C-alpha atoms as a PDB file:
ATOM      1  CA  UNK A   1      26.912  14.810   2.371  1.00  0.00           C
ATOM      2  CA  UNK A   2      26.146  11.649   4.354  1.00  0.00           C
ATOM      3  CA  UNK A   3      28.952   9.329   5.298  1.00  0.00           C
ATOM      4  CA  UNK A   4      27.197   6.456   3.417  1.00  0.00           C
ATOM      5  CA  UNK A   5      27.490   8.291   0.079  1.00  0.00           C
ATOM      6  CA  UNK A   6      30.174   6.710  -2.161  1.00  0.00           C
ATOM      7  CA  UNK A   7      33.141   8.907  -2.940  1.00  0.00           C
ATOM      8  CA  UNK A   8      32.851  10.299  -6.460  1.00  0.00           C
ATOM      9  CA  UNK A   9      35.954   9.721  -8.672  1.00  0.00           C
ATOM     10  CA  UNK A  10      37.835  12.695 -10.099  1.00  0.00           C
ATOM     11  CA  UNK A  11      36.605  12.976 -13.705  1.00  0.00           C
ATOM     12  CA  UNK A  12      39.296  13.795 -16.208  1.00  0.00           C
ATOM     13  CA  UNK A  13      40.163  13.061 -19.833  1.00  0.00           C
ATOM     14  CA  UNK A  14      41.455   9.499 -20.069  1.00  0.00           C
ATOM     15  CA  UNK A  15      39.545   8.269 -17.030  1.00  0.00           C
ATOM     16  CA  UNK A  16      37.859   4.879 -17.431  1.00  0.00           C
ATOM     17  CA  UNK A  17      35.640   3.131 -15.034  1.00  0.00           C
ATOM     18  CA  UNK A  18      34.490  -0.450 -14.985  1.00  0.00           C
ATOM     19  CA  UNK A  19      31.144  -1.543 -13.575  1.00  0.00           C
ATOM     20  CA  UNK A  20      30.181  -5.073 -12.636  1.00  0.00           C
ATOM     21  CA  UNK A  21      26.977  -5.817 -14.591  1.00  0.00           C
ATOM     22  CA  UNK A  22      24.310  -8.105 -13.059  1.00  0.00           C
ATOM     23  CA  UNK A  23      22.023  -9.719 -15.466  1.00  0.00           C
ATOM     24  CA  UNK A  24      18.590 -10.888 -14.320  1.00  0.00           C
ATOM     25  CA  UNK A  25      18.387 -14.473 -15.583  1.00  0.00           C
ATOM     26  CA  UNK A  26      17.730 -15.466 -11.963  1.00  0.00           C
ATOM     27  CA  UNK A  27      14.214 -14.108 -11.750  1.00  0.00           C
ATOM     28  CA  UNK A  28      11.791 -15.247  -9.071  1.00  0.00           C
ATOM     29  CA  UNK A  29      10.225 -18.626  -9.712  1.00  0.00           C
ATOM     30  CA  UNK A  30       6.521 -19.303  -9.134  1.00  0.00           C
ATOM     31  CA  UNK A  31       5.498 -19.443  -5.456  1.00  0.00           C
ATOM     32  CA  UNK A  32       6.305 -22.742  -3.866  1.00  0.00           C
ATOM     33  CA  UNK A  33       3.178 -24.686  -2.940  1.00  0.00           C
ATOM     34  CA  UNK A  34       2.306 -25.725   0.570  1.00  0.00           C
ATOM     35  CA  UNK A  35       1.329 -22.408   2.311  1.00  0.00           C
ATOM     36  CA  UNK A  36      -2.162 -21.106   2.858  1.00  0.00           C
ATOM     37  CA  UNK A  37      -2.187 -17.282   3.497  1.00  0.00           C
ATOM     38  CA  UNK A  38      -4.247 -15.855   6.327  1.00  0.00           C
ATOM     39  CA  UNK A  39      -7.859 -14.827   5.725  1.00  0.00           C
ATOM     40  CA  UNK A  40      -7.486 -11.109   6.475  1.00  0.00           C
ATOM     41  CA  UNK A  41     -11.175 -10.443   6.415  1.00  0.00           C
ATOM     42  CA  UNK A  42     -11.789 -12.418   9.562  1.00  0.00           C
ATOM     43  CA  UNK A  43      -9.805  -9.843  11.640  1.00  0.00           C
ATOM     44  CA  UNK A  44     -12.806  -7.534  11.401  1.00  0.00           C
ATOM     45  CA  UNK A  45     -14.220  -9.650  14.275  1.00  0.00           C
ATOM     46  CA  UNK A  46     -11.111 -10.831  15.936  1.00  0.00           C
ATOM     47  CA  UNK A  47     -10.412 -10.784  19.652  1.00  0.00           C
ATOM     48  CA  UNK A  48      -7.647  -8.739  21.211  1.00  0.00           C
ATOM     49  CA  UNK A  49      -5.528 -11.836  21.562  1.00  0.00           C
ATOM     50  CA  UNK A  50      -5.929 -12.724  17.845  1.00  0.00           C
ATOM     51  CA  UNK A  51      -4.994  -9.175  16.828  1.00  0.00           C
ATOM     52  CA  UNK A  52      -1.897  -9.233  19.086  1.00  0.00           C
ATOM     53  CA  UNK A  53      -0.788 -12.528  17.606  1.00  0.00           C
ATOM     54  CA  UNK A  54      -1.034 -11.263  14.083  1.00  0.00           C
ATOM     55  CA  UNK A  55       0.726  -7.972  14.952  1.00  0.00           C
ATOM     56  CA  UNK A  56       3.566 -10.005  16.457  1.00  0.00           C
ATOM     57  CA  UNK A  57       3.685 -12.435  13.503  1.00  0.00           C
ATOM     58  CA  UNK A  58       4.066  -9.609  11.026  1.00  0.00           C
ATOM     59  CA  UNK A  59       6.647  -7.907  13.248  1.00  0.00           C
ATOM     60  CA  UNK A  60       8.725 -11.068  13.378  1.00  0.00           C
ATOM     61  CA  UNK A  61       8.468 -11.870   9.748  1.00  0.00           C
ATOM     62  CA  UNK A  62       8.600  -8.376   8.182  1.00  0.00           C
ATOM     63  CA  UNK A  63       8.643  -5.587  10.759  1.00  0.00           C
ATOM     64  CA  UNK A  64       6.304  -2.587  10.739  1.00  0.00           C
ATOM     65  CA  UNK A  65       6.919   0.765   9.175  1.00  0.00           C
ATOM     66  CA  UNK A  66       3.710   2.582  10.040  1.00  0.00           C
ATOM     67  CA  UNK A  67       2.074   2.958  13.452  1.00  0.00           C
ATOM     68  CA  UNK A  68      -1.622   2.349  12.751  1.00  0.00           C
ATOM     69  CA  UNK A  69      -4.425   2.474  15.312  1.00  0.00           C
ATOM     70  CA  UNK A  70      -6.461  -0.799  15.521  1.00  0.00           C
ATOM     71  CA  UNK A  71      -9.519  -1.749  17.459  1.00  0.00           C
ATOM     72  CA  UNK A  72      -9.497  -2.588  21.194  1.00  0.00           C
ATOM     73  CA  UNK A  73      -6.850   0.018  21.975  1.00  0.00           C
ATOM     74  CA  UNK A  74      -4.132  -1.620  19.862  1.00  0.00           C
ATOM     75  CA  UNK A  75      -1.668  -0.176  17.376  1.00  0.00           C
ATOM     76  CA  UNK A  76       1.003  -1.580  15.053  1.00  0.00           C
ATOM     77  CA  UNK A  77       4.557  -0.919  16.375  1.00  0.00           C
ATOM     78  CA  UNK A  78       5.916   1.013  13.403  1.00  0.00           C
ATOM     79  CA  UNK A  79       7.985   4.148  14.036  1.00  0.00           C
ATOM     80  CA  UNK A  80       6.299   6.241  11.342  1.00  0.00           C
ATOM     81  CA  UNK A  81       3.138   7.935  12.549  1.00  0.00           C
ATOM     82  CA  UNK A  82       0.876  10.257  10.532  1.00  0.00           C
ATOM     83  CA  UNK A  83       0.346  13.077  13.034  1.00  0.00           C
ATOM     84  CA  UNK A  84       3.304  15.265  11.990  1.00  0.00           C
ATOM     85  CA  UNK A  85       2.629  14.778   8.272  1.00  0.00           C
ATOM     86  CA  UNK A  86      -1.054  15.451   8.712  1.00  0.00           C
ATOM     87  CA  UNK A  87      -0.297  18.708  10.376  1.00  0.00           C
ATOM     88  CA  UNK A  88       2.205  19.882   7.771  1.00  0.00           C
ATOM     89  CA  UNK A  89      -0.266  19.257   4.916  1.00  0.00           C
ATOM     90  CA  UNK A  90      -3.440  20.212   6.900  1.00  0.00           C
ATOM     91  CA  UNK A  91      -4.778  16.796   5.820  1.00  0.00           C
ATOM     92  CA  UNK A  92      -7.926  16.898   7.969  1.00  0.00           C
ATOM     93  CA  UNK A  93      -8.910  20.253   6.377  1.00  0.00           C
ATOM     94  CA  UNK A  94      -8.232  19.309   2.772  1.00  0.00           C
ATOM     95  CA  UNK A  95      -9.218  15.670   2.132  1.00  0.00           C
ATOM     96  CA  UNK A  96     -12.764  15.487   3.515  1.00  0.00           C
ATOM     97  CA  UNK A  97     -15.131  14.585   0.678  1.00  0.00           C
ATOM     98  CA  UNK A  98     -12.234  14.130  -1.774  1.00  0.00           C
ATOM     99  CA  UNK A  99     -10.862  11.191  -3.679  1.00  0.00           C
ATOM    100  CA  UNK A 100      -7.301  10.349  -2.610  1.00  0.00           C
ATOM    101  CA  UNK A 101      -4.618   8.208  -4.229  1.00  0.00           C
ATOM    102  CA  UNK A 102      -1.825   7.223  -1.855  1.00  0.00           C
ATOM    103  CA  UNK A 103       1.292   6.186  -3.784  1.00  0.00           C
ATOM    104  CA  UNK A 104       3.833   3.912  -2.129  1.00  0.00           C
ATOM    105  CA  UNK A 105       1.217   3.247   0.579  1.00  0.00           C
ATOM    106  CA  UNK A 106       3.177   0.645   2.528  1.00  0.00           C
ATOM    107  CA  UNK A 107       0.897  -0.646   5.345  1.00  0.00           C
ATOM    108  CA  UNK A 108      -1.557   2.152   4.715  1.00  0.00           C
ATOM    109  CA  UNK A 109      -0.980   4.582   7.621  1.00  0.00           C
ATOM    110  CA  UNK A 110      -1.682   7.701   5.420  1.00  0.00           C
ATOM    111  CA  UNK A 111      -4.460   5.897   3.500  1.00  0.00           C
ATOM    112  CA  UNK A 112      -6.401   4.942   6.650  1.00  0.00           C
ATOM    113  CA  UNK A 113      -5.927   8.371   8.189  1.00  0.00           C
ATOM    114  CA  UNK A 114      -7.328  10.055   5.033  1.00  0.00           C
ATOM    115  CA  UNK A 115     -10.295   7.601   5.235  1.00  0.00           C
ATOM    116  CA  UNK A 116     -10.875   8.655   8.838  1.00  0.00           C
ATOM    117  CA  UNK A 117     -10.961  12.234   7.671  1.00  0.00           C
ATOM    118  CA  UNK A 118     -13.762  11.477   5.188  1.00  0.00           C
ATOM    119  CA  UNK A 119     -11.900  10.800   1.988  1.00  0.00           C
ATOM    120  CA  UNK A 120     -12.484   7.928  -0.534  1.00  0.00           C
ATOM    121  CA  UNK A 121      -9.049   6.441  -0.709  1.00  0.00           C
ATOM    122  CA  UNK A 122      -7.089   4.199  -3.098  1.00  0.00           C
ATOM    123  CA  UNK A 123      -3.746   2.823  -1.946  1.00  0.00           C
ATOM    124  CA  UNK A 124      -1.160   2.007  -4.604  1.00  0.00           C
ATOM    125  CA  UNK A 125       2.130   0.065  -4.163  1.00  0.00           C
ATOM    126  CA  UNK A 126       4.140  -2.904  -5.412  1.00  0.00           C
ATOM    127  CA  UNK A 127       3.891  -6.179  -3.520  1.00  0.00           C
ATOM    128  CA  UNK A 128       7.522  -7.268  -3.476  1.00  0.00           C
ATOM    129  CA  UNK A 129      10.980  -5.716  -3.323  1.00  0.00           C
ATOM    130  CA  UNK A 130      11.873  -7.525  -6.613  1.00  0.00           C
ATOM    131  CA  UNK A 131       9.406  -5.078  -8.196  1.00  0.00           C
ATOM    132  CA  UNK A 132      11.387  -2.048  -6.897  1.00  0.00           C
ATOM    133  CA  UNK A 133      13.003   0.230  -9.479  1.00  0.00           C
ATOM    134  CA  UNK A 134      16.384  -1.446  -9.249  1.00  0.00           C
ATOM    135  CA  UNK A 135      19.444  -1.045 -11.469  1.00  0.00           C
ATOM    136  CA  UNK A 136      21.633  -3.768 -12.805  1.00  0.00           C
ATOM    137  CA  UNK A 137      24.012  -3.355  -9.880  1.00  0.00           C
ATOM    138  CA  UNK A 138      24.467  -4.119  -6.185  1.00  0.00           C
ATOM    139  CA  UNK A 139      20.907  -3.101  -5.405  1.00  0.00           C
ATOM    140  CA  UNK A 140      19.539  -6.052  -7.450  1.00  0.00           C
ATOM    141  CA  UNK A 141      22.003  -8.446  -5.873  1.00  0.00           C
ATOM    142  CA  UNK A 142      20.929  -7.298  -2.383  1.00  0.00           C
ATOM    143  CA  UNK A 143      17.221  -7.807  -2.847  1.00  0.00           C
ATOM    144  CA  UNK A 144      17.584 -11.030  -4.822  1.00  0.00           C
ATOM    145  CA  UNK A 145      19.776 -12.320  -2.006  1.00  0.00           C
ATOM    146  CA  UNK A 146      16.949 -11.546   0.463  1.00  0.00           C
ATOM    147  CA  UNK A 147      14.538 -13.426  -1.761  1.00  0.00           C
ATOM    148  CA  UNK A 148      16.868 -16.470  -1.851  1.00  0.00           C
ATOM    149  CA  UNK A 149      17.113 -16.403   1.928  1.00  0.00           C
ATOM    150  CA  UNK A 150      13.314 -16.456   2.156  1.00  0.00           C
ATOM    151  CA  UNK A 151      13.042 -19.386  -0.260  1.00  0.00           C
ATOM    152  CA  UNK A 152      15.546 -21.348   1.797  1.00  0.00           C
ATOM    153  CA  UNK A 153      13.540 -20.653   5.013  1.00  0.00           C
ATOM    154  CA  UNK A 154      10.405 -22.271   3.599  1.00  0.00           C
ATOM    155  CA  UNK A 155       7.012 -21.458   2.011  1.00  0.00           C
ATOM    156  CA  UNK A 156       5.824 -19.121   4.727  1.00  0.00           C
ATOM    157  CA  UNK A 157       8.903 -16.916   4.630  1.00  0.00           C
ATOM    158  CA  UNK A 158       8.809 -16.936   0.790  1.00  0.00           C
ATOM    159  CA  UNK A 159       5.132 -15.943   0.823  1.00  0.00           C
ATOM    160  CA  UNK A 160       5.877 -13.148   3.247  1.00  0.00           C
ATOM    161  CA  UNK A 161       8.710 -11.814   1.083  1.00  0.00           C
ATOM    162  CA  UNK A 162       6.713 -11.985  -2.115  1.00  0.00           C
ATOM    163  CA  UNK A 163       3.801 -10.054  -0.451  1.00  0.00           C
ATOM    164  CA  UNK A 164       5.688  -7.971   2.190  1.00  0.00           C
ATOM    165  CA  UNK A 165       4.338  -4.636   0.882  1.00  0.00           C
ATOM    166  CA  UNK A 166       0.740  -5.867   1.106  1.00  0.00           C
ATOM    167  CA  UNK A 167       0.512  -8.144   4.177  1.00  0.00           C
ATOM    168  CA  UNK A 168       0.384  -5.429   6.823  1.00  0.00           C
ATOM    169  CA  UNK A 169      -2.052  -3.372   4.705  1.00  0.00           C
ATOM    170  CA  UNK A 170      -4.538  -6.211   4.279  1.00  0.00           C
ATOM    171  CA  UNK A 171      -4.336  -7.079   8.027  1.00  0.00           C
ATOM    172  CA  UNK A 172      -5.004  -3.468   9.077  1.00  0.00           C
ATOM    173  CA  UNK A 173      -7.728  -3.049   6.501  1.00  0.00           C
ATOM    174  CA  UNK A 174      -9.522  -6.151   7.869  1.00  0.00           C
ATOM    175  CA  UNK A 175      -9.058  -5.177  11.485  1.00  0.00           C
ATOM    176  CA  UNK A 176     -10.207  -1.602  10.895  1.00  0.00           C
ATOM    177  CA  UNK A 177     -13.131  -2.725   8.621  1.00  0.00           C
ATOM    178  CA  UNK A 178     -11.795  -0.230   6.115  1.00  0.00           C
ATOM    179  CA  UNK A 179     -13.049   0.378   2.607  1.00  0.00           C
ATOM    180  CA  UNK A 180      -9.726   1.614   1.217  1.00  0.00           C
ATOM    181  CA  UNK A 181      -9.042  -0.103  -2.128  1.00  0.00           C
ATOM    182  CA  UNK A 182      -5.512  -1.202  -2.957  1.00  0.00           C
ATOM    183  CA  UNK A 183      -4.008  -1.511  -6.403  1.00  0.00           C
ATOM    184  CA  UNK A 184      -0.697  -3.313  -6.913  1.00  0.00           C
ATOM    185  CA  UNK A 185       1.495  -1.696  -9.551  1.00  0.00           C
ATOM    186  CA  UNK A 186       4.430   0.439 -10.561  1.00  0.00           C
ATOM    187  CA  UNK A 187       4.126   4.211 -10.497  1.00  0.00           C
ATOM    188  CA  UNK A 188       5.308   4.224 -14.108  1.00  0.00           C
ATOM    189  CA  UNK A 189       2.025   2.395 -15.069  1.00  0.00           C
ATOM    190  CA  UNK A 190      -0.258   5.079 -13.717  1.00  0.00           C
ATOM    191  CA  UNK A 191      -2.727   5.921 -16.392  1.00  0.00           C
ATOM    192  CA  UNK A 192      -5.909   8.072 -16.137  1.00  0.00           C
ATOM    193  CA  UNK A 193      -7.635   5.943 -18.774  1.00  0.00           C
ATOM    194  CA  UNK A 194      -6.993   2.862 -16.597  1.00  0.00           C
ATOM    195  CA  UNK A 195      -6.977   4.068 -13.070  1.00  0.00           C
ATOM    196  CA  UNK A 196      -9.029   7.285 -13.291  1.00  0.00           C
ATOM    197  CA  UNK A 197      -8.166  10.608 -11.769  1.00  0.00           C
ATOM    198  CA  UNK A 198      -8.128  11.730  -8.127  1.00  0.00           C
ATOM    199  CA  UNK A 199      -8.701  15.044  -6.400  1.00  0.00           C
ATOM    200  CA  UNK A 200      -5.540  14.645  -4.284  1.00  0.00           C
ATOM    201  CA  UNK A 201      -2.520  12.490  -4.761  1.00  0.00           C
ATOM    202  CA  UNK A 202      -0.082  11.549  -2.019  1.00  0.00           C
ATOM    203  CA  UNK A 203       3.541  10.868  -2.804  1.00  0.00           C
ATOM    204  CA  UNK A 204       5.434  10.520   0.449  1.00  0.00           C
ATOM    205  CA  UNK A 205       9.004   9.272   0.560  1.00  0.00           C
ATOM    206  CA  UNK A 206       8.949   7.676  -2.892  1.00  0.00           C
ATOM    207  CA  UNK A 207      10.623   9.821  -5.631  1.00  0.00           C
ATOM    208  CA  UNK A 208      14.169   9.284  -4.375  1.00  0.00           C
ATOM    209  CA  UNK A 209      13.676   5.510  -4.723  1.00  0.00           C
ATOM    210  CA  UNK A 210      13.080   5.910  -8.455  1.00  0.00           C
ATOM    211  CA  UNK A 211      15.551   5.855 -11.306  1.00  0.00           C
ATOM    212  CA  UNK A 212      13.205   7.936 -13.479  1.00  0.00           C
ATOM    213  CA  UNK A 213      11.839  10.588 -11.148  1.00  0.00           C
ATOM    214  CA  UNK A 214      10.733  13.036 -13.921  1.00  0.00           C
ATOM    215  CA  UNK A 215       8.762  10.269 -15.663  1.00  0.00           C
ATOM    216  CA  UNK A 216       7.117   9.408 -12.316  1.00  0.00           C
ATOM    217  CA  UNK A 217       6.167  13.061 -11.805  1.00  0.00           C
ATOM    218  CA  UNK A 218       4.616  13.146 -15.274  1.00  0.00           C
ATOM    219  CA  UNK A 219       2.567  10.058 -14.321  1.00  0.00           C
ATOM    220  CA  UNK A 220       1.536  11.617 -11.020  1.00  0.00           C
ATOM    221  CA  UNK A 221       0.403  14.845 -12.658  1.00  0.00           C
ATOM    222  CA  UNK A 222      -1.678  12.903 -15.194  1.00  0.00           C
ATOM    223  CA  UNK A 223      -3.883  11.336 -12.532  1.00  0.00           C
ATOM    224  CA  UNK A 224      -4.150  14.399 -10.172  1.00  0.00           C
ATOM    225  CA  UNK A 225      -7.140  16.672 -10.637  1.00  0.00           C
ATOM    226  CA  UNK A 226      -6.424  19.277  -8.003  1.00  0.00           C
ATOM    227  CA  UNK A 227      -3.231  18.936  -6.036  1.00  0.00           C
ATOM    228  CA  UNK A 228      -0.463  16.585  -4.964  1.00  0.00           C
ATOM    229  CA  UNK A 229       0.952  16.319  -1.408  1.00  0.00           C
ATOM    230  CA  UNK A 230       4.598  15.365  -1.893  1.00  0.00           C
ATOM    231  CA  UNK A 231       7.735  15.144   0.289  1.00  0.00           C
ATOM    232  CA  UNK A 232      11.246  14.160  -0.788  1.00  0.00           C
ATOM    233  CA  UNK A 233      14.767  13.966   0.485  1.00  0.00           C
ATOM    234  CA  UNK A 234      17.038  16.764  -0.525  1.00  0.00           C
ATOM    235  CA  UNK A 235      20.735  17.612  -0.414  1.00  0.00           C
ATOM    236  CA  UNK A 236      22.193  20.969   0.162  1.00  0.00           C
ATOM    237  CA  UNK A 237      20.277  24.115   1.140  1.00  0.00           C
ATOM    238  CA  UNK A 238      17.675  26.385  -0.394  1.00  0.00           C
ATOM    239  CA  UNK A 239      20.472  28.721  -1.562  1.00  0.00           C
ATOM    240  CA  UNK A 240      22.155  26.047  -3.691  1.00  0.00           C
ATOM    241  CA  UNK A 241      21.669  26.206  -7.446  1.00  0.00           C
ATOM    242  CA  UNK A 242      19.724  23.570  -9.288  1.00  0.00           C
ATOM    243  CA  UNK A 243      21.422  20.185  -9.120  1.00  0.00           C
ATOM    244  CA  UNK A 244      20.544  16.494  -9.014  1.00  0.00           C
ATOM    245  CA  UNK A 245      22.815  14.038  -7.282  1.00  0.00           C
ATOM    246  CA  UNK A 246      22.845  10.409  -8.439  1.00  0.00           C
ATOM    247  CA  UNK A 247      24.021   7.546  -6.250  1.00  0.00           C
ATOM    248  CA  UNK A 248      24.841   4.392  -8.195  1.00  0.00           C
ATOM    249  CA  UNK A 249      24.825   1.983  -5.283  1.00  0.00           C
ATOM    250  CA  UNK A 250      23.320   3.399  -2.096  1.00  0.00           C
ATOM    251  CA  UNK A 251      22.798   6.650  -0.169  1.00  0.00           C
ATOM    252  CA  UNK A 252      22.078   6.888   3.548  1.00  0.00           C
ATOM    253  CA  UNK A 253      22.394   3.181   3.838  1.00  0.00           C
ATOM    254  CA  UNK A 254      19.548   2.178   1.500  1.00  0.00           C
ATOM    255  CA  UNK A 255      20.036   0.244  -1.693  1.00  0.00           C
ATOM    256  CA  UNK A 256      16.939   1.728  -3.333  1.00  0.00           C
ATOM    257  CA  UNK A 257      17.948   5.373  -3.038  1.00  0.00           C
ATOM    258  CA  UNK A 258      18.901   7.000  -6.370  1.00  0.00           C
ATOM    259  CA  UNK A 259      18.356  10.641  -7.241  1.00  0.00           C
ATOM    260  CA  UNK A 260      18.454  13.330  -4.565  1.00  0.00           C
ATOM    261  CA  UNK A 261      17.969  16.956  -5.709  1.00  0.00           C
ATOM    262  CA  UNK A 262      18.771  20.257  -4.164  1.00  0.00           C
ATOM    263  CA  UNK A 263      15.690  22.196  -3.106  1.00  0.00           C
ATOM    264  CA  UNK A 264      15.921  24.489  -6.191  1.00  0.00           C
ATOM    265  CA  UNK A 265      16.267  21.460  -8.541  1.00  0.00           C
ATOM    266  CA  UNK A 266      13.239  19.777  -6.956  1.00  0.00           C
ATOM    267  CA  UNK A 267      11.031  22.801  -7.511  1.00  0.00           C
ATOM    268  CA  UNK A 268      12.171  23.009 -11.099  1.00  0.00           C
ATOM    269  CA  UNK A 269      11.447  19.329 -11.580  1.00  0.00           C
ATOM    270  CA  UNK A 270       7.867  19.902 -10.335  1.00  0.00           C
ATOM    271  CA  UNK A 271       7.389  22.877 -12.605  1.00  0.00           C
ATOM    272  CA  UNK A 272       8.545  20.853 -15.633  1.00  0.00           C
ATOM    273  CA  UNK A 273       5.736  18.296 -14.962  1.00  0.00           C
ATOM    274  CA  UNK A 274       2.923  20.825 -15.464  1.00  0.00           C
ATOM    275  CA  UNK A 275       2.089  22.032 -11.987  1.00  0.00           C
ATOM    276  CA  UNK A 276       0.963  25.709 -12.016  1.00  0.00           C
ATOM    277  CA  UNK A 277       2.037  26.471  -8.487  1.00  0.00           C
ATOM    278  CA  UNK A 278       4.184  24.726  -5.818  1.00  0.00           C
ATOM    279  CA  UNK A 279       3.849  25.705  -2.214  1.00  0.00           C
ATOM    280  CA  UNK A 280       6.683  24.748   0.211  1.00  0.00           C
ATOM    281  CA  UNK A 281       5.037  23.708   3.505  1.00  0.00           C
ATOM    282  CA  UNK A 282       7.957  22.126   5.224  1.00  0.00           C
ATOM    283  CA  UNK A 283      11.745  22.333   4.942  1.00  0.00           C
ATOM    284  CA  UNK A 284      14.711  20.855   6.819  1.00  0.00           C
ATOM    285  CA  UNK A 285      18.363  20.164   5.997  1.00  0.00           C
ATOM    286  CA  UNK A 286      17.395  16.779   4.490  1.00  0.00           C
ATOM    287  CA  UNK A 287      13.729  16.891   3.434  1.00  0.00           C
ATOM    288  CA  UNK A 288      11.162  19.157   1.727  1.00  0.00           C
ATOM    289  CA  UNK A 289       7.412  18.978   1.778  1.00  0.00           C
ATOM    290  CA  UNK A 290       5.305  20.708  -0.890  1.00  0.00           C
ATOM    291  CA  UNK A 291       1.778  21.000  -2.193  1.00  0.00           C
ATOM    292  CA  UNK A 292       1.673  20.995  -6.004  1.00  0.00           C
ATOM    293  CA  UNK A 293      -1.374  22.604  -7.622  1.00  0.00           C
ATOM    294  CA  UNK A 294      -2.655  21.727 -11.135  1.00  0.00           C
END
């Protein structure tokens, strides 16, 4: 158990617990006028100096999660590369000529790599942290507080916050002259009649951020034709019985972490969503990587 996990109370007859309830009357207002967003398409023909300035601007305003190769020998300074994941899932050997849906795409590191390997790729993510799957608790207060800080800082900071999950993607897409298509939306809204179906679906580092992981798995299975590449955080070992741990406020220091299963529970969850076979391709004390077959 991580030190950041809140201590669970002893449950006994007569126990009562009180929870502070946050209501969401304070929703985000329309974007303040006075800011003109960058034209990301122009970075297809940008100089090295222009690309470096934009990388630094995003780093200062948002930070980078993915390390993404760009023209002229540049790369974004994120810590998360795609090499290790690509090796675990044999991405290069499986996505060529396929359609790929990348859920929770962030800045598009996995999306652009799949495109390099010959896939036709759709990236899918929300635009703003206020669209995260938050409860009526401290998590909502945390992210709304960040939004209020951005509003006080001015129109540019507010625009960056409201579009923080899309800015880096659009810049990298422009600079790489990529054809990856991006859809803004919640995973719960995935619908084969609306979005179509895809040969391969990516779901990397997403499920434990969701308060309804089984519903999300049902939605994922509905749009996957062949297989799903999926990794998730776990708690316990492969010998533990099925179990699902819920963290009401935060786990491992993140306000948007919710359910964390044991390995056995995770495999059972996948089976309940209609996958015919699940292959474990990576396993550590804290994470599991699987390929789910329809």
